[in-house]
C-alpha atoms as a PDB file:
ATOM      1  CA  MET A   1      -0.005  -0.017   0.023  1.00  0.00           C
ATOM      2  CA  THR A   2       1.297   3.411  -0.770  1.00  0.00           C
ATOM      3  CA  PRO A   3       1.575   5.713   2.316  1.00  0.00           C
ATOM      4  CA  ILE A   4      -0.965   8.373   1.841  1.00  0.00           C
ATOM      5  CA  ARG A   5      -1.132  10.583   5.108  1.00  0.00           C
ATOM      6  CA  SER A   6       1.176  13.106   5.992  1.00  0.00           C
ATOM      7  CA  THR A   7       1.541  14.056   9.910  1.00  0.00           C
ATOM      8  CA  PHE A   8       2.244  17.140  11.775  1.00  0.00           C
ATOM      9  CA  SER A   9       5.991  16.587  12.488  1.00  0.00           C
ATOM     10  CA  PRO A  10       8.593  19.311  13.902  1.00  0.00           C
ATOM     11  CA  MET A  11      11.122  17.756  11.675  1.00  0.00           C
ATOM     12  CA  SER A  12       9.277  19.248   8.443  1.00  0.00           C
ATOM     13  CA  THR A  13       7.592  22.602   8.271  1.00  0.00           C
ATOM     14  CA  THR A  14       6.381  21.750   4.676  1.00  0.00           C
ATOM     15  CA  THR A  15       4.661  18.922   5.821  1.00  0.00           C
ATOM     16  CA  SER A  16       2.732  21.065   8.277  1.00  0.00           C
ATOM     17  CA  ARG A  17       1.822  23.450   5.664  1.00  0.00           C
ATOM     18  CA  ASP A  18       0.741  20.791   3.356  1.00  0.00           C
ATOM     19  CA  ASP A  19      -1.372  19.341   6.357  1.00  0.00           C
ATOM     20  CA  VAL A  20      -3.226  22.642   6.974  1.00  0.00           C
ATOM     21  CA  ARG A  21      -3.814  23.057   3.399  1.00  0.00           C
ATOM     22  CA  ILE A  22      -5.209  19.746   2.931  1.00  0.00           C
ATOM     23  CA  VAL A  23      -7.617  20.007   5.764  1.00  0.00           C
ATOM     24  CA  ASP A  24      -8.945  23.435   4.469  1.00  0.00           C
ATOM     25  CA  SER A  25      -9.488  21.898   0.884  1.00  0.00           C
ATOM     26  CA  PHE A  26     -12.043  19.597   2.331  1.00  0.00           C
ATOM     27  CA  GLY A  27     -14.344  22.085   3.769  1.00  0.00           C
ATOM     28  CA  ASP A  28     -13.176  25.614   3.305  1.00  0.00           C
ATOM     29  CA  GLY A  29     -14.501  26.624   6.546  1.00  0.00           C
ATOM     30  CA  GLY A  30     -18.022  25.568   5.838  1.00  0.00           C
ATOM     31  CA  LYS A  31     -20.367  24.100   8.471  1.00  0.00           C
ATOM     32  CA  PRO A  32     -20.170  20.476   7.038  1.00  0.00           C
ATOM     33  CA  ILE A  33     -16.277  20.223   7.918  1.00  0.00           C
ATOM     34  CA  ARG A  34     -16.898  22.136  11.345  1.00  0.00           C
ATOM     35  CA  ARG A  35     -19.422  19.584  12.276  1.00  0.00           C
ATOM     36  CA  ALA A  36     -17.408  16.366  11.001  1.00  0.00           C
ATOM     37  CA  PRO A  37     -17.097  14.912  14.447  1.00  0.00           C
ATOM     38  CA  MET A  38     -20.775  15.273  15.164  1.00  0.00           C
ATOM     39  CA  LEU A  39     -21.254  13.874  11.640  1.00  0.00           C
ATOM     40  CA  GLY A  40     -18.911  11.046  12.164  1.00  0.00           C
ATOM     41  CA  ALA A  41     -20.413  10.011  15.506  1.00  0.00           C
ATOM     42  CA  VAL A  42     -23.570   9.860  13.814  1.00  0.00           C
ATOM     43  CA  ALA A  43     -22.265   7.651  10.905  1.00  0.00           C
ATOM     44  CA  GLY A  44     -20.779   5.402  13.964  1.00  0.00           C
ATOM     45  CA  LEU A  45     -24.482   5.254  15.454  1.00  0.00           C
ATOM     46  CA  ALA A  46     -25.811   4.300  11.963  1.00  0.00           C
ATOM     47  CA  ALA A  47     -23.154   1.546  11.481  1.00  0.00           C
ATOM     48  CA  ALA A  48     -24.096  -0.166  15.148  1.00  0.00           C
ATOM     49  CA  GLY A  49     -27.711   0.047  14.045  1.00  0.00           C
ATOM     50  CA  LEU A  50     -26.598  -2.039  10.877  1.00  0.00           C
ATOM     51  CA  LEU A  51     -24.448  -4.513  12.969  1.00  0.00           C
ATOM     52  CA  THR A  52     -27.698  -4.768  15.137  1.00  0.00           C
ATOM     53  CA  SER A  53     -29.969  -5.474  12.452  1.00  0.00           C
ATOM     54  CA  PHE A  54     -27.512  -8.300  11.159  1.00  0.00           C
ATOM     55  CA  GLY A  55     -26.296  -9.699  14.277  1.00  0.00           C
ATOM     56  CA  GLY A  56     -28.593  -9.154  16.998  1.00  0.00           C
ATOM     57  CA  THR A  57     -28.766  -7.017  20.206  1.00  0.00           C
ATOM     58  CA  THR A  58     -25.362  -8.254  21.123  1.00  0.00           C
ATOM     59  CA  ALA A  59     -24.074  -5.917  18.548  1.00  0.00           C
ATOM     60  CA  LEU A  60     -25.321  -2.933  20.683  1.00  0.00           C
ATOM     61  CA  TRP A  61     -22.229  -3.192  22.584  1.00  0.00           C
ATOM     62  CA  PHE A  62     -20.153  -1.821  19.597  1.00  0.00           C
ATOM     63  CA  ALA A  63     -22.316   1.184  19.384  1.00  0.00           C
ATOM     64  CA  SER A  64     -20.416   3.540  22.119  1.00  0.00           C
ATOM     65  CA  ALA A  65     -17.060   2.490  20.413  1.00  0.00           C
ATOM     66  CA  LEU A  66     -18.430   3.227  17.022  1.00  0.00           C
ATOM     67  CA  VAL A  67     -19.628   6.449  17.857  1.00  0.00           C
ATOM     68  CA  ALA A  68     -16.459   7.311  19.650  1.00  0.00           C
ATOM     69  CA  ALA A  69     -14.563   6.185  16.518  1.00  0.00           C
ATOM     70  CA  GLY A  70     -16.703   8.265  14.394  1.00  0.00           C
ATOM     71  CA  ALA A  71     -16.269  11.416  16.403  1.00  0.00           C
ATOM     72  CA  ALA A  72     -12.289  10.716  16.276  1.00  0.00           C
ATOM     73  CA  ALA A  73     -12.444  10.318  12.300  1.00  0.00           C
ATOM     74  CA  GLY A  74     -14.259  13.410  12.014  1.00  0.00           C
ATOM     75  CA  ASP A  75     -12.168  15.410  14.306  1.00  0.00           C
ATOM     76  CA  ASP A  76      -9.187  14.230  11.909  1.00  0.00           C
ATOM     77  CA  LEU A  77     -11.037  15.625   8.859  1.00  0.00           C
ATOM     78  CA  ARG A  78     -11.701  18.888  10.604  1.00  0.00           C
ATOM     79  CA  ARG A  79      -8.317  19.436  12.246  1.00  0.00           C
ATOM     80  CA  GLY A  80      -5.755  16.844  10.806  1.00  0.00           C
ATOM     81  CA  ARG A  81      -5.119  15.070  14.246  1.00  0.00           C
ATOM     82  CA  LEU A  82      -6.785  11.952  15.964  1.00  0.00           C
ATOM     83  CA  PRO A  83      -7.280  13.071  19.735  1.00  0.00           C
ATOM     84  CA  ASP A  84      -5.581  10.659  21.924  1.00  0.00           C
ATOM     85  CA  ARG A  85      -8.225  10.667  24.543  1.00  0.00           C
ATOM     86  CA  LEU A  86     -10.821   9.619  21.957  1.00  0.00           C
ATOM     87  CA  VAL A  87      -8.454   6.776  20.698  1.00  0.00           C
ATOM     88  CA  ALA A  88      -8.085   5.747  24.010  1.00  0.00           C
ATOM     89  CA  LEU A  89     -11.723   5.892  24.635  1.00  0.00           C
ATOM     90  CA  ILE A  90     -12.291   3.504  21.788  1.00  0.00           C
ATOM     91  CA  ALA A  91      -9.799   1.063  23.006  1.00  0.00           C
ATOM     92  CA  VAL A  92     -11.452   1.050  26.430  1.00  0.00           C
ATOM     93  CA  LEU A  93     -14.943   0.694  25.035  1.00  0.00           C
ATOM     94  CA  GLY A  94     -14.196  -1.863  22.677  1.00  0.00           C
ATOM     95  CA  LEU A  95     -12.209  -3.741  25.029  1.00  0.00           C
ATOM     96  CA  THR A  96     -15.112  -3.835  27.372  1.00  0.00           C
ATOM     97  CA  ALA A  97     -17.467  -4.797  24.734  1.00  0.00           C
ATOM     98  CA  ALA A  98     -15.248  -7.853  23.742  1.00  0.00           C
ATOM     99  CA  VAL A  99     -14.980  -8.940  27.518  1.00  0.00           C
ATOM    100  CA  ILE A 100     -18.959  -8.791  27.855  1.00  0.00           C
ATOM    101  CA  ILE A 101     -19.400 -10.638  24.726  1.00  0.00           C
ATOM    102  CA  ASP A 102     -17.039 -13.475  25.052  1.00  0.00           C
ATOM    103  CA  GLY A 103     -14.983 -12.996  28.328  1.00  0.00           C
ATOM    104  CA  ALA A 104     -11.528 -13.668  28.247  1.00  0.00           C
ATOM    105  CA  GLY A 105     -11.774 -15.048  24.559  1.00  0.00           C
ATOM    106  CA  GLY A 106     -13.165 -11.788  23.556  1.00  0.00           C
ATOM    107  CA  ALA A 107     -10.267  -9.791  25.035  1.00  0.00           C
ATOM    108  CA  ILE A 108      -7.656 -12.087  22.904  1.00  0.00           C
ATOM    109  CA  ALA A 109      -9.814 -11.539  20.041  1.00  0.00           C
ATOM    110  CA  PHE A 110      -9.731  -7.709  20.553  1.00  0.00           C
ATOM    111  CA  LEU A 111      -6.010  -7.650  21.111  1.00  0.00           C
ATOM    112  CA  THR A 112      -5.576  -9.933  17.927  1.00  0.00           C
ATOM    113  CA  GLY A 113      -7.473  -7.496  15.598  1.00  0.00           C
ATOM    114  CA  ALA A 114      -5.810  -4.779  16.987  1.00  0.00           C
ATOM    115  CA  LEU A 115      -2.466  -6.061  16.386  1.00  0.00           C
ATOM    116  CA  ALA A 116      -3.503  -7.295  12.769  1.00  0.00           C
ATOM    117  CA  LEU A 117      -4.824  -3.733  11.718  1.00  0.00           C
ATOM    118  CA  GLY A 118      -2.203  -1.671  13.617  1.00  0.00           C
ATOM    119  CA  ALA A 119       0.765  -3.693  12.690  1.00  0.00           C
ATOM    120  CA  PRO A 120       0.874  -2.724   8.893  1.00  0.00           C
ATOM    121  CA  LEU A 121       0.671   0.999   9.697  1.00  0.00           C
ATOM    122  CA  LEU A 122       3.078   0.808  12.414  1.00  0.00           C
ATOM    123  CA  ALA A 123       5.673  -0.565   9.886  1.00  0.00           C
ATOM    124  CA  PHE A 124       4.689   2.228   7.523  1.00  0.00           C
ATOM    125  CA  HIS A 125       5.130   4.709  10.428  1.00  0.00           C
ATOM    126  CA  LEU A 126       8.693   3.293  11.395  1.00  0.00           C
ATOM    127  CA  ALA A 127       9.737   3.395   7.665  1.00  0.00           C
ATOM    128  CA  SER A 128       8.603   6.923   7.001  1.00  0.00           C
ATOM    129  CA  PRO A 129       7.174   8.978  10.024  1.00  0.00           C
ATOM    130  CA  CYS A 130       6.121  11.819   7.684  1.00  0.00           C
ATOM    131  CA  SER A 131       4.247   9.559   5.334  1.00  0.00           C
ATOM    132  CA  MET A 132       2.102   7.769   8.070  1.00  0.00           C
ATOM    133  CA  ALA A 133       1.640   9.407  11.453  1.00  0.00           C
ATOM    134  CA  PHE A 134       1.661   7.659  14.959  1.00  0.00           C
ATOM    135  CA  GLY A 135      -2.033   8.733  15.530  1.00  0.00           C
ATOM    136  CA  ASP A 136      -3.363   6.581  12.477  1.00  0.00           C
ATOM    137  CA  VAL A 137      -1.448   3.824  14.026  1.00  0.00           C
ATOM    138  CA  LYS A 138      -3.126   3.978  17.442  1.00  0.00           C
ATOM    139  CA  TYR A 139      -6.626   4.550  16.040  1.00  0.00           C
ATOM    140  CA  ALA A 140      -6.108   1.389  13.673  1.00  0.00           C
ATOM    141  CA  ALA A 141      -5.148  -0.595  16.891  1.00  0.00           C
ATOM    142  CA  ALA A 142      -8.105   0.829  18.723  1.00  0.00           C
ATOM    143  CA  ILE A 143     -10.715   0.096  15.933  1.00  0.00           C
ATOM    144  CA  GLY A 144      -8.866  -2.937  14.673  1.00  0.00           C
ATOM    145  CA  GLY A 145      -9.868  -4.671  17.906  1.00  0.00           C
ATOM    146  CA  LEU A 146     -13.454  -4.504  16.614  1.00  0.00           C
ATOM    147  CA  LEU A 147     -12.701  -6.526  13.800  1.00  0.00           C
ATOM    148  CA  GLY A 148     -10.973  -9.138  16.052  1.00  0.00           C
ATOM    149  CA  ILE A 149     -14.562  -9.308  17.937  1.00  0.00           C
ATOM    150  CA  VAL A 150     -16.215 -10.526  14.951  1.00  0.00           C
ATOM    151  CA  GLY A 151     -13.443 -12.607  13.449  1.00  0.00           C
ATOM    152  CA  ILE A 152     -13.945 -16.448  13.612  1.00  0.00           C
ATOM    153  CA  ASP A 153     -10.329 -17.140  14.150  1.00  0.00           C
ATOM    154  CA  VAL A 154      -6.834 -15.659  13.919  1.00  0.00           C
ATOM    155  CA  GLY A 155      -6.709 -16.271  10.054  1.00  0.00           C
ATOM    156  CA  ASP A 156     -10.083 -14.719   9.530  1.00  0.00           C
ATOM    157  CA  ARG A 157      -9.133 -11.645  11.687  1.00  0.00           C
ATOM    158  CA  LEU A 158      -6.089 -11.167   9.358  1.00  0.00           C
ATOM    159  CA  PHE A 159      -8.435 -11.316   6.585  1.00  0.00           C
ATOM    160  CA  LEU A 160     -10.801  -8.575   8.036  1.00  0.00           C
ATOM    161  CA  ALA A 161      -7.869  -6.398   8.953  1.00  0.00           C
ATOM    162  CA  MET A 162      -6.548  -6.584   5.423  1.00  0.00           C
ATOM    163  CA  THR A 163      -9.985  -6.286   4.027  1.00  0.00           C
ATOM    164  CA  ALA A 164     -10.754  -3.066   6.136  1.00  0.00           C
ATOM    165  CA  LEU A 165      -7.200  -1.695   4.986  1.00  0.00           C
ATOM    166  CA  THR A 166      -7.788  -2.330   1.547  1.00  0.00           C
ATOM    167  CA  VAL A 167     -11.110  -0.177   1.567  1.00  0.00           C
ATOM    168  CA  ALA A 168      -9.371   2.489   3.743  1.00  0.00           C
ATOM    169  CA  SER A 169      -6.545   2.773   1.141  1.00  0.00           C
ATOM    170  CA  ALA A 170      -9.145   3.049  -1.862  1.00  0.00           C
ATOM    171  CA  ALA A 171     -10.991   5.637  -0.212  1.00  0.00           C
ATOM    172  CA  ALA A 172      -7.956   7.571   0.749  1.00  0.00           C
ATOM    173  CA  VAL A 173      -7.087   7.635  -2.689  1.00  0.00           C
ATOM    174  CA  LEU A 174     -10.431   8.526  -4.033  1.00  0.00           C
ATOM    175  CA  GLY A 175     -10.275  11.545  -1.659  1.00  0.00           C
ATOM    176  CA  ALA A 176      -6.735  12.460  -2.531  1.00  0.00           C
ATOM    177  CA  VAL A 177      -7.991  12.667  -6.121  1.00  0.00           C
ATOM    178  CA  ALA A 178     -11.270  14.616  -5.293  1.00  0.00           C
ATOM    179  CA  VAL A 179      -9.125  17.217  -3.337  1.00  0.00           C
ATOM    180  CA  ARG A 180      -6.295  17.090  -5.813  1.00  0.00           C
ATOM    181  CA  SER A 181      -3.696  16.443  -3.314  1.00  0.00           C
ATOM    182  CA  ARG A 182      -1.317  13.564  -2.678  1.00  0.00           C
ATOM    183  CA  GLN A 183      -1.963  13.632   1.078  1.00  0.00           C
ATOM    184  CA  VAL A 184      -4.975  13.391   3.136  1.00  0.00           C
ATOM    185  CA  PRO A 185      -6.263  12.524   6.547  1.00  0.00           C
ATOM    186  CA  PHE A 186      -6.276   8.893   6.963  1.00  0.00           C
ATOM    187  CA  GLY A 187      -8.358   8.547  10.025  1.00  0.00           C
ATOM    188  CA  PRO A 188     -11.887   8.831   8.280  1.00  0.00           C
ATOM    189  CA  SER A 189     -10.980   6.321   5.664  1.00  0.00           C
ATOM    190  CA  LEU A 190      -9.661   3.703   8.362  1.00  0.00           C
ATOM    191  CA  PHE A 191     -13.250   4.609   9.683  1.00  0.00           C
ATOM    192  CA  LEU A 192     -15.015   3.698   6.667  1.00  0.00           C
ATOM    193  CA  GLY A 193     -12.951   0.890   5.999  1.00  0.00           C
ATOM    194  CA  THR A 194     -13.475  -0.858   9.328  1.00  0.00           C
ATOM    195  CA  CYS A 195     -17.307  -0.138   9.201  1.00  0.00           C
ATOM    196  CA  VAL A 196     -17.732  -1.555   5.769  1.00  0.00           C
ATOM    197  CA  THR A 197     -15.848  -4.777   6.860  1.00  0.00           C
ATOM    198  CA  LEU A 198     -17.746  -5.152  10.256  1.00  0.00           C
ATOM    199  CA  VAL A 199     -21.056  -5.009   8.340  1.00  0.00           C
ATOM    200  CA  PHE A 200     -19.735  -7.330   5.690  1.00  0.00           C
ATOM    201  CA  ALA A 201     -18.810  -9.819   8.166  1.00  0.00           C
ATOM    202  CA  VAL A 202     -21.663  -9.798  10.286  1.00  0.00           C
ATOM    203  CA  ALA A 203     -24.128  -9.688   7.604  1.00  0.00           C
ATOM    204  CA  THR A 204     -22.588 -12.733   5.814  1.00  0.00           C
ATOM    205  CA  ARG A 205     -21.613 -14.686   8.957  1.00  0.00           C
ATOM    206  CA  SER A 206     -23.727 -13.171  12.064  1.00  0.00           C
ATOM    207  CA  PRO A 207     -20.830 -14.102  14.621  1.00  0.00           C
ATOM    208  CA  LEU A 208     -22.684 -11.999  17.068  1.00  0.00           C
ATOM    209  CA  ALA A 209     -26.259 -13.932  16.711  1.00  0.00           C
END
């Protein structure tokens, strides 16, 4: 996958200026971009509703984590950064849901999913910190845990993580083309890729029912 997001880094003033330009190019200061965190939270709630319709009431435990994930993605779109407090909240809510759903097994599944989605981005970050921000790595690990919960086994969790990353990468490329920039915030794309993959997994296999 080609790295597609730049980070705010004191090592590169050019990167910082590019990030500001990128964020501005999405909304030009209009109401939609200012309300991006709220709209993201609503999108997370809608995704939770779809999961519930396919997977039963057990999927309701995903709601709070998805709402927080959507709000964080919206904040990334609006300001070009993923708030650490929201990322930590996603992880806590997701892990709590995993334990409620399947006890210790759920916790292991969550951690496996977090590693499966977070590790590839960590590799990109270590190779080129200016190409993949560490905030994206933490966010991917937090929401990747949700994919782990719905995965059947380790192999399936890896497959779901790669599916989410593929969808996210495609969405980021399309976003970059739309705003005519080589660099775009990756958080919204990660959120979209994860939600699409979650709904796909639950709709086709209903592991939560």
